[in-house]
N, C-alpha and C. Protein backbone atom coordinates (compact mmCIF):
# COMPACT_ATOMS: atom_id res chain seq x y z
N MET A 1 -7.77 -21.85 -9.28
CA MET A 1 -8.71 -22.98 -9.57
C MET A 1 -9.43 -23.40 -8.11
N GLY A 2 -10.70 -23.40 -8.23
CA GLY A 2 -11.49 -23.67 -7.05
C GLY A 2 -12.53 -24.79 -7.22
N LEU A 3 -13.11 -25.26 -6.06
CA LEU A 3 -14.14 -26.19 -6.16
C LEU A 3 -15.27 -25.61 -5.50
N ILE A 4 -16.42 -25.86 -6.11
CA ILE A 4 -17.89 -25.30 -5.40
C ILE A 4 -18.53 -26.39 -4.92
N ALA A 5 -18.82 -26.24 -3.65
CA ALA A 5 -19.63 -27.28 -3.02
C ALA A 5 -20.96 -27.49 -3.44
N VAL A 6 -21.61 -28.55 -3.59
CA VAL A 6 -23.04 -28.86 -3.99
C VAL A 6 -23.55 -29.50 -2.87
N PRO A 7 -24.83 -29.19 -2.38
CA PRO A 7 -25.34 -29.88 -1.36
C PRO A 7 -25.70 -31.35 -1.64
N ASN A 8 -25.66 -32.30 -0.78
CA ASN A 8 -25.84 -33.57 -0.98
C ASN A 8 -27.21 -34.02 -1.62
N GLY A 9 -28.15 -33.13 -1.50
CA GLY A 9 -29.49 -33.45 -2.26
C GLY A 9 -29.59 -32.93 -3.59
N ASP A 10 -28.63 -32.15 -4.04
CA ASP A 10 -28.55 -31.58 -5.39
C ASP A 10 -27.61 -32.27 -6.34
N LEU A 11 -27.74 -31.99 -7.66
CA LEU A 11 -26.87 -32.31 -8.61
C LEU A 11 -26.34 -31.14 -9.27
N ALA A 12 -25.20 -31.40 -9.96
CA ALA A 12 -24.44 -30.29 -10.67
C ALA A 12 -24.09 -30.83 -11.97
N THR A 13 -24.21 -30.10 -13.03
CA THR A 13 -23.85 -30.57 -14.37
C THR A 13 -23.33 -29.35 -15.16
N ILE A 14 -22.41 -29.68 -16.17
CA ILE A 14 -21.95 -28.73 -17.04
C ILE A 14 -22.72 -28.83 -18.38
N VAL A 15 -23.36 -27.80 -18.67
CA VAL A 15 -24.19 -27.70 -19.95
C VAL A 15 -23.34 -27.21 -21.01
N THR A 16 -23.18 -27.85 -22.10
CA THR A 16 -22.50 -27.32 -23.39
C THR A 16 -23.52 -26.97 -24.38
N THR A 17 -23.60 -25.86 -24.93
CA THR A 17 -24.44 -25.45 -26.02
C THR A 17 -23.59 -25.73 -27.35
N LEU A 18 -24.30 -26.14 -28.29
CA LEU A 18 -23.64 -26.43 -29.71
C LEU A 18 -24.62 -25.78 -30.70
N GLU A 19 -23.99 -25.49 -31.90
CA GLU A 19 -24.82 -24.91 -33.07
C GLU A 19 -24.40 -25.44 -34.31
N MET A 20 -25.24 -25.47 -35.23
CA MET A 20 -24.88 -25.41 -36.65
C MET A 20 -25.45 -24.08 -37.32
N THR A 21 -24.75 -23.56 -38.17
CA THR A 21 -25.09 -22.19 -38.86
C THR A 21 -25.40 -22.45 -40.26
N ARG A 22 -25.13 -23.67 -40.79
CA ARG A 22 -25.51 -23.87 -42.08
C ARG A 22 -25.85 -25.44 -42.24
N ARG A 23 -26.73 -25.68 -43.20
CA ARG A 23 -27.16 -27.09 -43.38
C ARG A 23 -25.89 -27.94 -43.80
N PRO A 24 -25.82 -29.12 -43.24
CA PRO A 24 -24.54 -29.94 -43.58
C PRO A 24 -24.89 -30.49 -44.97
N PRO A 25 -23.66 -30.97 -45.56
CA PRO A 25 -23.78 -31.54 -46.76
C PRO A 25 -24.54 -32.89 -46.84
N LEU A 26 -25.27 -33.12 -47.95
CA LEU A 26 -26.01 -34.42 -47.86
C LEU A 26 -25.02 -35.50 -47.82
N ARG A 27 -25.44 -36.59 -46.98
CA ARG A 27 -24.74 -37.85 -47.16
C ARG A 27 -25.71 -38.97 -46.91
N PRO A 28 -25.39 -40.14 -47.19
CA PRO A 28 -26.34 -41.20 -47.12
C PRO A 28 -26.91 -41.34 -45.80
N VAL A 29 -28.29 -41.59 -45.58
CA VAL A 29 -28.97 -41.98 -44.36
C VAL A 29 -28.58 -43.33 -44.00
N PRO A 30 -27.94 -43.50 -42.78
CA PRO A 30 -27.67 -44.82 -42.27
C PRO A 30 -28.86 -45.77 -42.27
N PRO A 31 -28.79 -46.95 -42.48
CA PRO A 31 -29.92 -47.85 -42.47
C PRO A 31 -30.46 -48.13 -40.96
N SER A 32 -31.77 -48.20 -40.90
CA SER A 32 -32.48 -48.56 -39.71
C SER A 32 -33.86 -49.08 -39.87
N PRO A 33 -34.32 -49.97 -39.06
CA PRO A 33 -35.60 -50.50 -39.25
C PRO A 33 -36.78 -49.48 -38.61
N LEU A 34 -36.15 -48.51 -37.85
CA LEU A 34 -36.98 -47.61 -37.28
C LEU A 34 -37.63 -46.60 -38.30
N ARG A 35 -38.71 -45.84 -37.92
CA ARG A 35 -39.35 -44.70 -38.63
C ARG A 35 -39.53 -43.59 -37.64
N LEU A 36 -39.23 -42.45 -38.08
CA LEU A 36 -39.37 -41.24 -37.41
C LEU A 36 -40.97 -40.51 -37.80
N VAL A 37 -41.86 -40.60 -36.91
CA VAL A 37 -43.25 -40.20 -37.25
C VAL A 37 -43.56 -39.00 -36.43
N ARG A 38 -44.32 -38.03 -36.98
CA ARG A 38 -44.80 -36.87 -36.21
C ARG A 38 -45.81 -37.15 -35.31
N TRP A 39 -45.67 -36.70 -34.09
CA TRP A 39 -46.82 -36.73 -33.09
C TRP A 39 -47.50 -35.40 -33.01
N ALA A 40 -48.69 -35.32 -33.57
CA ALA A 40 -49.52 -34.25 -33.46
C ALA A 40 -50.21 -34.08 -32.16
N GLU A 41 -49.74 -33.27 -31.28
CA GLU A 41 -50.34 -33.10 -29.93
C GLU A 41 -50.60 -34.44 -29.27
N PRO A 42 -49.41 -34.91 -28.81
CA PRO A 42 -49.57 -36.31 -28.00
C PRO A 42 -50.22 -36.01 -26.81
N THR A 43 -50.88 -36.82 -26.06
CA THR A 43 -51.45 -36.78 -24.90
C THR A 43 -50.28 -36.41 -23.85
N LEU A 44 -50.58 -35.78 -22.72
CA LEU A 44 -49.53 -35.59 -21.78
C LEU A 44 -49.00 -36.87 -21.27
N ALA A 45 -49.74 -37.92 -20.97
CA ALA A 45 -49.40 -39.08 -20.37
C ALA A 45 -48.53 -39.91 -21.43
N ARG A 46 -48.84 -39.95 -22.56
CA ARG A 46 -48.11 -40.63 -23.67
C ARG A 46 -46.74 -40.00 -23.83
N TYR A 47 -46.66 -38.63 -23.93
CA TYR A 47 -45.43 -37.84 -24.07
C TYR A 47 -44.53 -38.21 -22.80
N ARG A 48 -45.06 -37.99 -21.59
CA ARG A 48 -44.29 -38.13 -20.44
C ARG A 48 -43.81 -39.54 -20.26
N MET A 49 -44.57 -40.49 -20.73
CA MET A 49 -44.17 -41.92 -20.60
C MET A 49 -42.83 -42.14 -21.50
N LEU A 50 -42.88 -41.66 -22.75
CA LEU A 50 -41.64 -41.73 -23.60
C LEU A 50 -40.56 -40.99 -23.21
N PHE A 51 -40.91 -39.67 -22.71
CA PHE A 51 -39.73 -38.91 -22.10
C PHE A 51 -39.02 -39.65 -21.01
N ALA A 52 -39.88 -40.29 -20.01
CA ALA A 52 -39.07 -41.02 -18.98
C ALA A 52 -38.29 -42.22 -19.48
N GLN A 53 -38.97 -42.87 -20.48
CA GLN A 53 -38.27 -44.16 -20.93
C GLN A 53 -36.96 -43.84 -21.62
N VAL A 54 -36.98 -42.62 -22.38
CA VAL A 54 -35.68 -42.35 -23.12
C VAL A 54 -34.75 -41.58 -22.13
N GLY A 55 -35.36 -40.56 -21.17
CA GLY A 55 -34.43 -39.84 -20.37
C GLY A 55 -34.07 -40.27 -18.90
N SER A 56 -34.80 -41.17 -18.31
CA SER A 56 -34.51 -41.60 -16.90
C SER A 56 -33.03 -41.82 -16.68
N PRO A 57 -32.30 -42.57 -17.68
CA PRO A 57 -31.01 -43.02 -17.46
C PRO A 57 -30.09 -41.90 -17.37
N TRP A 58 -30.53 -40.65 -17.79
CA TRP A 58 -29.71 -39.43 -17.83
C TRP A 58 -30.39 -38.31 -16.89
N LEU A 59 -31.33 -38.75 -16.18
CA LEU A 59 -32.08 -37.83 -15.18
C LEU A 59 -32.76 -36.74 -15.82
N TRP A 60 -33.39 -37.04 -16.98
CA TRP A 60 -34.25 -35.89 -17.66
C TRP A 60 -35.48 -35.93 -16.84
N TYR A 61 -35.90 -34.80 -16.29
CA TYR A 61 -37.03 -34.72 -15.35
C TYR A 61 -37.89 -33.47 -15.57
N SER A 62 -37.39 -32.61 -16.35
CA SER A 62 -38.09 -31.19 -16.39
C SER A 62 -39.62 -31.38 -16.96
N ARG A 63 -39.86 -32.17 -17.96
CA ARG A 63 -41.25 -32.19 -18.40
C ARG A 63 -42.07 -33.23 -17.50
N LEU A 64 -41.34 -33.94 -16.58
CA LEU A 64 -42.20 -34.82 -15.68
C LEU A 64 -42.75 -33.86 -14.64
N VAL A 65 -42.22 -32.70 -14.24
CA VAL A 65 -42.64 -31.97 -13.15
C VAL A 65 -43.38 -30.73 -13.64
N MET A 66 -43.37 -30.44 -14.87
CA MET A 66 -43.96 -29.20 -15.56
C MET A 66 -45.39 -29.27 -15.17
N ALA A 67 -45.95 -28.17 -15.07
CA ALA A 67 -47.40 -28.14 -14.89
C ALA A 67 -48.11 -28.64 -16.07
N ASP A 68 -49.19 -29.30 -16.06
CA ASP A 68 -49.89 -29.89 -17.20
C ASP A 68 -50.17 -28.84 -18.14
N ALA A 69 -50.81 -27.62 -17.69
CA ALA A 69 -51.03 -26.53 -18.68
C ALA A 69 -49.91 -26.11 -19.35
N ASP A 70 -48.95 -25.84 -18.78
CA ASP A 70 -47.53 -25.44 -19.46
C ASP A 70 -47.06 -26.28 -20.45
N LEU A 71 -47.11 -27.60 -20.13
CA LEU A 71 -46.60 -28.74 -21.00
C LEU A 71 -47.56 -28.89 -22.15
N ALA A 72 -48.83 -28.77 -22.01
CA ALA A 72 -49.81 -28.80 -23.07
C ALA A 72 -49.69 -27.69 -24.04
N ALA A 73 -49.47 -26.49 -23.47
CA ALA A 73 -49.33 -25.29 -24.25
C ALA A 73 -48.02 -25.38 -25.15
N ILE A 74 -47.00 -26.00 -24.70
CA ILE A 74 -45.85 -26.22 -25.49
C ILE A 74 -46.14 -27.14 -26.71
N LEU A 75 -46.64 -28.32 -26.33
CA LEU A 75 -46.97 -29.48 -27.37
C LEU A 75 -48.06 -28.99 -28.31
N ALA A 76 -48.88 -28.05 -27.89
CA ALA A 76 -49.84 -27.57 -28.82
C ALA A 76 -49.50 -26.42 -29.80
N ASP A 77 -48.21 -25.91 -29.46
CA ASP A 77 -47.72 -24.77 -30.13
C ASP A 77 -47.35 -25.17 -31.55
N PRO A 78 -47.79 -24.41 -32.59
CA PRO A 78 -47.51 -24.79 -33.96
C PRO A 78 -46.05 -24.62 -34.18
N GLY A 79 -45.28 -23.97 -33.47
CA GLY A 79 -43.78 -23.86 -33.65
C GLY A 79 -43.00 -24.97 -32.95
N VAL A 80 -43.77 -26.00 -32.34
CA VAL A 80 -43.02 -27.09 -31.71
C VAL A 80 -43.44 -28.38 -32.42
N GLN A 81 -42.49 -29.16 -32.77
CA GLN A 81 -42.71 -30.42 -33.44
C GLN A 81 -42.12 -31.44 -32.64
N VAL A 82 -42.92 -32.54 -32.37
CA VAL A 82 -42.58 -33.61 -31.66
C VAL A 82 -42.62 -34.93 -32.58
N PHE A 83 -41.58 -35.65 -32.43
CA PHE A 83 -41.52 -36.85 -33.36
C PHE A 83 -41.23 -38.16 -32.51
N ALA A 84 -41.77 -39.18 -32.74
CA ALA A 84 -41.36 -40.47 -32.13
C ALA A 84 -40.66 -41.43 -33.18
N ALA A 85 -39.60 -41.98 -32.69
CA ALA A 85 -38.92 -43.16 -33.32
C ALA A 85 -39.76 -44.33 -33.08
N VAL A 86 -40.24 -45.04 -34.16
CA VAL A 86 -41.20 -46.16 -33.90
C VAL A 86 -40.55 -47.33 -34.47
N ASP A 87 -40.47 -48.44 -33.76
CA ASP A 87 -39.81 -49.74 -34.24
C ASP A 87 -40.99 -50.40 -35.13
N PRO A 88 -40.52 -51.55 -35.82
CA PRO A 88 -41.37 -52.29 -36.73
C PRO A 88 -42.72 -52.66 -36.14
N ARG A 89 -42.71 -52.90 -34.79
CA ARG A 89 -44.04 -53.36 -34.15
C ARG A 89 -45.02 -52.15 -33.87
N GLY A 90 -44.47 -51.00 -34.27
CA GLY A 90 -45.25 -49.70 -34.01
C GLY A 90 -44.98 -49.20 -32.51
N ILE A 91 -44.01 -49.52 -31.74
CA ILE A 91 -43.72 -49.27 -30.43
C ILE A 91 -42.79 -47.98 -30.39
N GLU A 92 -42.97 -46.93 -29.74
CA GLU A 92 -42.28 -45.81 -29.69
C GLU A 92 -40.90 -46.11 -28.81
N VAL A 93 -39.92 -45.94 -29.40
CA VAL A 93 -38.52 -46.11 -28.87
C VAL A 93 -37.57 -45.02 -28.83
N GLY A 94 -38.04 -43.85 -29.26
CA GLY A 94 -37.22 -42.65 -29.11
C GLY A 94 -37.93 -41.50 -29.51
N MET A 95 -37.33 -40.32 -29.28
CA MET A 95 -37.95 -39.00 -29.45
C MET A 95 -37.13 -37.94 -29.98
N VAL A 96 -37.77 -37.12 -30.71
CA VAL A 96 -37.08 -35.84 -31.13
C VAL A 96 -38.06 -34.73 -30.93
N GLU A 97 -37.62 -33.53 -30.39
CA GLU A 97 -38.46 -32.44 -30.30
C GLU A 97 -37.71 -31.24 -30.81
N LEU A 98 -38.28 -30.67 -31.90
CA LEU A 98 -37.72 -29.42 -32.44
C LEU A 98 -38.60 -28.18 -32.19
N ASP A 99 -37.94 -27.20 -31.72
CA ASP A 99 -38.54 -25.91 -31.25
C ASP A 99 -38.23 -24.89 -32.42
N HIS A 100 -39.26 -24.43 -33.28
CA HIS A 100 -39.16 -23.42 -34.23
C HIS A 100 -39.70 -22.24 -33.71
N ARG A 101 -39.92 -21.85 -32.52
CA ARG A 101 -40.55 -20.68 -32.08
C ARG A 101 -39.73 -19.52 -32.17
N GLN A 102 -38.47 -19.49 -32.40
CA GLN A 102 -37.58 -18.31 -32.66
C GLN A 102 -37.42 -18.18 -34.06
N PRO A 103 -37.80 -17.09 -34.77
CA PRO A 103 -37.62 -16.92 -36.09
C PRO A 103 -36.35 -17.21 -36.65
N GLY A 104 -36.04 -18.00 -37.66
CA GLY A 104 -34.79 -18.19 -38.21
C GLY A 104 -34.06 -19.27 -37.53
N GLU A 105 -34.46 -19.75 -36.36
CA GLU A 105 -33.61 -20.65 -35.59
C GLU A 105 -34.48 -21.80 -35.11
N VAL A 106 -33.87 -22.93 -35.00
CA VAL A 106 -34.44 -24.21 -34.46
C VAL A 106 -33.69 -24.74 -33.27
N ARG A 107 -34.22 -25.10 -32.24
CA ARG A 107 -33.63 -25.64 -31.09
C ARG A 107 -34.03 -27.18 -30.99
N LEU A 108 -32.93 -27.99 -31.06
CA LEU A 108 -33.22 -29.45 -30.83
C LEU A 108 -33.33 -29.63 -29.42
N ALA A 109 -34.74 -29.53 -28.93
CA ALA A 109 -34.81 -29.53 -27.51
C ALA A 109 -34.70 -31.01 -26.82
N TYR A 110 -34.96 -31.97 -27.53
CA TYR A 110 -34.85 -33.30 -26.97
C TYR A 110 -34.57 -34.32 -28.07
N PHE A 111 -33.55 -35.23 -27.75
CA PHE A 111 -33.19 -36.07 -28.73
C PHE A 111 -32.66 -37.31 -28.04
N GLY A 112 -33.29 -38.53 -28.20
CA GLY A 112 -32.78 -39.63 -27.59
C GLY A 112 -33.61 -40.95 -27.92
N LEU A 113 -32.99 -42.07 -27.53
CA LEU A 113 -33.48 -43.30 -27.77
C LEU A 113 -33.67 -44.14 -26.53
N VAL A 114 -34.53 -45.14 -26.26
CA VAL A 114 -34.46 -45.86 -25.16
C VAL A 114 -33.00 -46.59 -24.95
N PRO A 115 -32.63 -46.76 -23.80
CA PRO A 115 -31.26 -47.27 -23.56
C PRO A 115 -30.82 -48.60 -24.24
N GLU A 116 -31.81 -49.45 -24.52
CA GLU A 116 -31.64 -50.80 -25.15
C GLU A 116 -31.21 -50.63 -26.54
N LEU A 117 -31.39 -49.35 -27.21
CA LEU A 117 -30.94 -49.27 -28.66
C LEU A 117 -29.56 -48.55 -28.76
N ALA A 118 -29.05 -48.20 -27.64
CA ALA A 118 -27.77 -47.36 -27.67
C ALA A 118 -26.64 -48.08 -28.36
N GLY A 119 -25.90 -47.46 -29.04
CA GLY A 119 -24.59 -48.00 -29.64
C GLY A 119 -24.88 -48.93 -30.90
N GLN A 120 -25.99 -48.81 -31.52
CA GLN A 120 -26.44 -49.66 -32.58
C GLN A 120 -26.59 -48.90 -33.88
N GLY A 121 -26.15 -47.82 -33.94
CA GLY A 121 -26.23 -46.93 -35.18
C GLY A 121 -27.60 -46.17 -35.39
N HIS A 122 -28.58 -46.50 -34.54
CA HIS A 122 -29.87 -45.86 -34.73
C HIS A 122 -29.73 -44.25 -34.42
N GLY A 123 -28.75 -43.93 -33.63
CA GLY A 123 -28.68 -42.55 -33.25
C GLY A 123 -28.38 -41.68 -34.66
N ARG A 124 -27.37 -42.28 -35.40
CA ARG A 124 -26.98 -41.59 -36.48
C ARG A 124 -28.01 -41.43 -37.59
N TRP A 125 -28.80 -42.54 -37.69
CA TRP A 125 -29.98 -42.54 -38.50
C TRP A 125 -31.05 -41.55 -38.12
N MET A 126 -31.28 -41.44 -36.71
CA MET A 126 -32.22 -40.56 -36.25
C MET A 126 -31.78 -39.07 -36.41
N MET A 127 -30.55 -38.77 -36.32
CA MET A 127 -30.00 -37.37 -36.56
C MET A 127 -30.22 -37.08 -37.96
N ALA A 128 -29.86 -37.90 -39.02
CA ALA A 128 -30.08 -37.55 -40.24
C ALA A 128 -31.47 -37.21 -40.58
N GLU A 129 -32.37 -37.99 -40.07
CA GLU A 129 -33.80 -37.65 -40.10
C GLU A 129 -34.19 -36.38 -39.51
N THR A 130 -33.65 -36.09 -38.31
CA THR A 130 -33.83 -34.81 -37.67
C THR A 130 -33.34 -33.66 -38.33
N LEU A 131 -32.15 -33.75 -38.99
CA LEU A 131 -31.47 -32.49 -39.68
C LEU A 131 -32.41 -32.37 -40.93
N ALA A 132 -32.88 -33.37 -41.47
CA ALA A 132 -33.72 -33.02 -42.77
C ALA A 132 -34.80 -32.31 -42.43
N ARG A 133 -35.53 -32.54 -41.18
CA ARG A 133 -36.67 -31.86 -40.79
C ARG A 133 -36.35 -30.51 -40.28
N ALA A 134 -35.28 -30.24 -39.67
CA ALA A 134 -34.80 -29.04 -38.83
C ALA A 134 -34.52 -27.97 -39.87
N TRP A 135 -33.85 -28.34 -40.79
CA TRP A 135 -33.33 -27.33 -41.81
C TRP A 135 -34.39 -26.99 -42.87
N ALA A 136 -35.43 -26.37 -42.33
CA ALA A 136 -36.51 -25.82 -43.31
C ALA A 136 -36.08 -24.50 -43.86
N PRO A 137 -36.75 -24.18 -45.02
CA PRO A 137 -36.41 -22.92 -45.56
C PRO A 137 -36.60 -21.62 -44.52
N GLY A 138 -35.54 -20.95 -44.57
CA GLY A 138 -35.46 -19.64 -43.63
C GLY A 138 -34.72 -19.99 -42.32
N VAL A 139 -34.37 -21.29 -42.16
CA VAL A 139 -33.51 -21.59 -40.97
C VAL A 139 -32.05 -21.12 -41.13
N THR A 140 -31.55 -20.44 -40.22
CA THR A 140 -30.19 -20.13 -40.36
C THR A 140 -29.14 -20.62 -39.20
N ARG A 141 -29.96 -21.17 -38.09
CA ARG A 141 -29.21 -21.78 -37.02
C ARG A 141 -30.04 -22.85 -36.33
N LEU A 142 -29.23 -23.93 -35.98
CA LEU A 142 -29.82 -25.03 -35.38
C LEU A 142 -28.93 -25.39 -34.03
N SER A 143 -29.59 -25.43 -32.93
CA SER A 143 -28.73 -25.55 -31.52
C SER A 143 -29.33 -26.68 -30.89
N VAL A 144 -28.44 -27.17 -30.01
CA VAL A 144 -28.82 -28.21 -29.16
C VAL A 144 -27.84 -28.09 -27.80
N CYS A 145 -28.25 -28.63 -26.66
CA CYS A 145 -27.59 -28.52 -25.48
C CYS A 145 -27.45 -30.07 -24.96
N THR A 146 -26.28 -30.28 -24.40
CA THR A 146 -26.01 -31.36 -23.85
C THR A 146 -25.29 -31.28 -22.54
N CYS A 147 -25.29 -32.20 -21.64
CA CYS A 147 -24.66 -32.08 -20.34
C CYS A 147 -23.78 -33.16 -19.82
N THR A 148 -23.13 -32.94 -18.62
CA THR A 148 -22.22 -34.09 -18.19
C THR A 148 -23.17 -35.11 -17.64
N LEU A 149 -24.34 -35.07 -17.44
CA LEU A 149 -25.14 -36.18 -16.91
C LEU A 149 -25.72 -37.05 -18.16
N ASP A 150 -25.46 -36.47 -19.39
CA ASP A 150 -25.97 -37.28 -20.59
C ASP A 150 -25.03 -38.47 -20.79
N HIS A 151 -25.44 -39.22 -21.82
CA HIS A 151 -24.70 -40.37 -22.20
C HIS A 151 -23.23 -39.80 -22.51
N PRO A 152 -22.41 -40.65 -22.07
CA PRO A 152 -20.93 -40.13 -22.18
C PRO A 152 -20.54 -39.77 -23.54
N SER A 153 -21.24 -40.35 -24.66
CA SER A 153 -20.94 -40.23 -25.94
C SER A 153 -21.59 -39.02 -26.70
N ALA A 154 -22.44 -38.34 -25.89
CA ALA A 154 -23.38 -37.42 -26.40
C ALA A 154 -22.67 -36.31 -27.02
N LEU A 155 -21.71 -35.69 -26.25
CA LEU A 155 -21.08 -34.38 -26.88
C LEU A 155 -20.28 -34.83 -28.23
N GLY A 156 -19.51 -35.82 -28.15
CA GLY A 156 -18.80 -36.36 -29.27
C GLY A 156 -19.74 -36.65 -30.48
N PHE A 157 -20.95 -37.31 -30.22
CA PHE A 157 -21.74 -37.53 -31.25
C PHE A 157 -22.22 -36.29 -31.90
N TYR A 158 -22.72 -35.15 -31.12
CA TYR A 158 -23.20 -34.03 -31.72
C TYR A 158 -21.99 -33.27 -32.57
N ARG A 159 -20.92 -33.38 -32.10
CA ARG A 159 -19.75 -32.78 -32.88
C ARG A 159 -19.62 -33.46 -34.05
N ALA A 160 -19.59 -34.82 -33.96
CA ALA A 160 -19.33 -35.63 -35.19
C ALA A 160 -20.45 -35.43 -36.32
N GLN A 161 -21.67 -35.03 -35.81
CA GLN A 161 -22.73 -34.72 -36.82
C GLN A 161 -22.84 -33.29 -37.33
N GLY A 162 -21.75 -32.45 -36.98
CA GLY A 162 -21.48 -31.14 -37.51
C GLY A 162 -21.72 -30.01 -36.73
N PHE A 163 -22.20 -30.26 -35.37
CA PHE A 163 -22.40 -29.15 -34.35
C PHE A 163 -21.08 -28.77 -33.85
N THR A 164 -21.03 -27.44 -33.62
CA THR A 164 -19.92 -26.85 -32.95
C THR A 164 -20.15 -26.32 -31.61
N ALA A 165 -19.36 -26.55 -30.65
CA ALA A 165 -19.60 -26.12 -29.20
C ALA A 165 -19.44 -24.55 -29.16
N THR A 166 -20.26 -23.92 -28.54
CA THR A 166 -20.33 -22.44 -28.53
C THR A 166 -20.24 -21.86 -26.98
N SER A 167 -20.66 -22.57 -26.02
CA SER A 167 -20.62 -21.97 -24.77
C SER A 167 -20.82 -23.22 -23.68
N ARG A 168 -20.52 -22.81 -22.36
CA ARG A 168 -20.69 -23.84 -21.31
C ARG A 168 -21.25 -22.99 -20.26
N THR A 169 -22.23 -23.72 -19.59
CA THR A 169 -22.87 -23.04 -18.27
C THR A 169 -22.89 -24.23 -17.16
N MET A 170 -23.08 -23.80 -15.93
CA MET A 170 -23.24 -24.68 -14.98
C MET A 170 -24.57 -24.75 -14.44
N GLU A 171 -25.23 -25.92 -14.28
CA GLU A 171 -26.65 -25.92 -13.74
C GLU A 171 -26.54 -26.87 -12.50
N THR A 172 -27.29 -26.36 -11.46
CA THR A 172 -27.56 -27.12 -10.22
C THR A 172 -29.08 -27.36 -10.15
N PHE A 173 -29.57 -28.42 -9.56
CA PHE A 173 -30.96 -28.71 -9.26
C PHE A 173 -30.93 -29.74 -8.38
N PRO A 174 -32.38 -29.82 -7.57
CA PRO A 174 -32.52 -30.92 -6.60
C PRO A 174 -32.56 -32.22 -7.43
N ASP A 175 -31.95 -33.27 -6.85
CA ASP A 175 -31.81 -34.65 -7.48
C ASP A 175 -33.42 -35.16 -7.51
N PRO A 176 -33.83 -35.38 -8.81
CA PRO A 176 -35.21 -35.80 -8.94
C PRO A 176 -35.54 -37.17 -8.42
N ARG A 177 -34.42 -37.95 -8.03
CA ARG A 177 -34.80 -39.20 -7.43
C ARG A 177 -35.24 -39.19 -6.04
N LEU A 178 -34.97 -37.99 -5.40
CA LEU A 178 -35.20 -37.74 -3.93
C LEU A 178 -36.72 -37.38 -3.79
N SER A 179 -37.35 -36.67 -4.76
CA SER A 179 -38.69 -36.28 -4.84
C SER A 179 -39.64 -37.28 -5.29
N GLY A 180 -39.13 -38.44 -5.79
CA GLY A 180 -39.86 -39.45 -6.36
C GLY A 180 -40.33 -39.14 -7.88
N THR A 181 -39.86 -38.13 -8.35
CA THR A 181 -40.10 -37.84 -9.77
C THR A 181 -39.55 -38.81 -10.69
N LEU A 182 -38.37 -39.42 -10.31
CA LEU A 182 -37.70 -40.65 -11.09
C LEU A 182 -37.31 -41.64 -9.93
N PRO A 183 -37.42 -42.91 -10.48
CA PRO A 183 -37.19 -44.01 -9.36
C PRO A 183 -35.76 -43.83 -8.71
N ARG A 184 -35.64 -44.22 -7.45
CA ARG A 184 -34.42 -44.10 -6.73
C ARG A 184 -33.21 -44.78 -7.41
N ASP A 185 -33.61 -45.91 -8.29
CA ASP A 185 -32.55 -46.60 -9.01
C ASP A 185 -32.17 -46.15 -10.35
N ALA A 186 -32.86 -44.90 -10.78
CA ALA A 186 -32.61 -44.39 -12.02
C ALA A 186 -31.03 -43.91 -12.02
N ALA A 187 -30.53 -43.80 -13.20
CA ALA A 187 -29.16 -43.38 -13.45
C ALA A 187 -28.14 -43.85 -12.22
N PRO A 188 -28.05 -45.13 -12.11
CA PRO A 188 -27.09 -45.73 -11.02
C PRO A 188 -25.65 -45.17 -11.07
N GLN A 189 -25.31 -44.79 -12.42
CA GLN A 189 -23.96 -44.28 -12.57
C GLN A 189 -23.86 -42.86 -11.95
N ILE A 190 -24.70 -42.17 -11.45
CA ILE A 190 -24.71 -40.88 -10.91
C ILE A 190 -25.07 -41.09 -9.32
N PRO A 191 -24.15 -40.87 -8.49
CA PRO A 191 -24.37 -41.23 -7.06
C PRO A 191 -25.36 -40.30 -6.49
N CYS A 192 -26.32 -40.86 -5.74
CA CYS A 192 -27.29 -40.17 -4.88
C CYS A 192 -26.82 -39.92 -3.53
N LEU A 193 -26.41 -38.67 -3.17
CA LEU A 193 -25.85 -38.53 -1.94
C LEU A 193 -26.78 -38.13 -0.77
N ALA A 194 -28.07 -38.27 -0.91
CA ALA A 194 -28.93 -37.80 0.07
C ALA A 194 -28.85 -38.58 1.33
N ASP A 195 -28.35 -39.68 1.37
CA ASP A 195 -28.27 -40.44 2.63
C ASP A 195 -26.98 -40.24 3.48
N ARG A 196 -26.02 -39.37 2.81
CA ARG A 196 -24.82 -39.16 3.50
C ARG A 196 -25.10 -37.72 4.27
N PRO A 197 -24.41 -37.69 5.51
CA PRO A 197 -24.63 -36.42 6.16
C PRO A 197 -24.05 -35.32 5.37
N ALA A 198 -24.81 -34.13 5.54
CA ALA A 198 -24.36 -32.89 4.86
C ALA A 198 -23.08 -32.38 5.40
């Protein structure tokens, strides 16, 4: 057993890949005042704003630093579906992104709600709505990844929804708080070690 040193300006996380290989049995959709609405080619600014609102506590940053042309191409691809969870006032409070670009497979690329809604049962509602949309005719596999930087309940939540863990990988990357991609006070539960001597 050994430890692998990570530079103080970097982060390391264990990524778990999970999958479903058959549509889960139908069960009642939990109640929620939210609606899941399709975003047809959202503007980059609007997409990134919601991405940051949902993901900053867990240091989601990839779509914030992606080149505009690359992100626009993903969002315009007919194989990618982006949905917003909208509250009764019409305000976006969550996001789902389904990637259908691989024949027969769907990847749940992003799934999350703003932190203020955590622990209120909206996640179960949103997953039920997501599964109904993901399991289109011809789909034989639905996958999702979560990591140790995500909400502590994320892995258990996905497993409770019927996903099975299939593999683990380790990812390291520069801390996005140091580049200014995310605010320095984002994800206070994850120490930022840049100010410590290497």
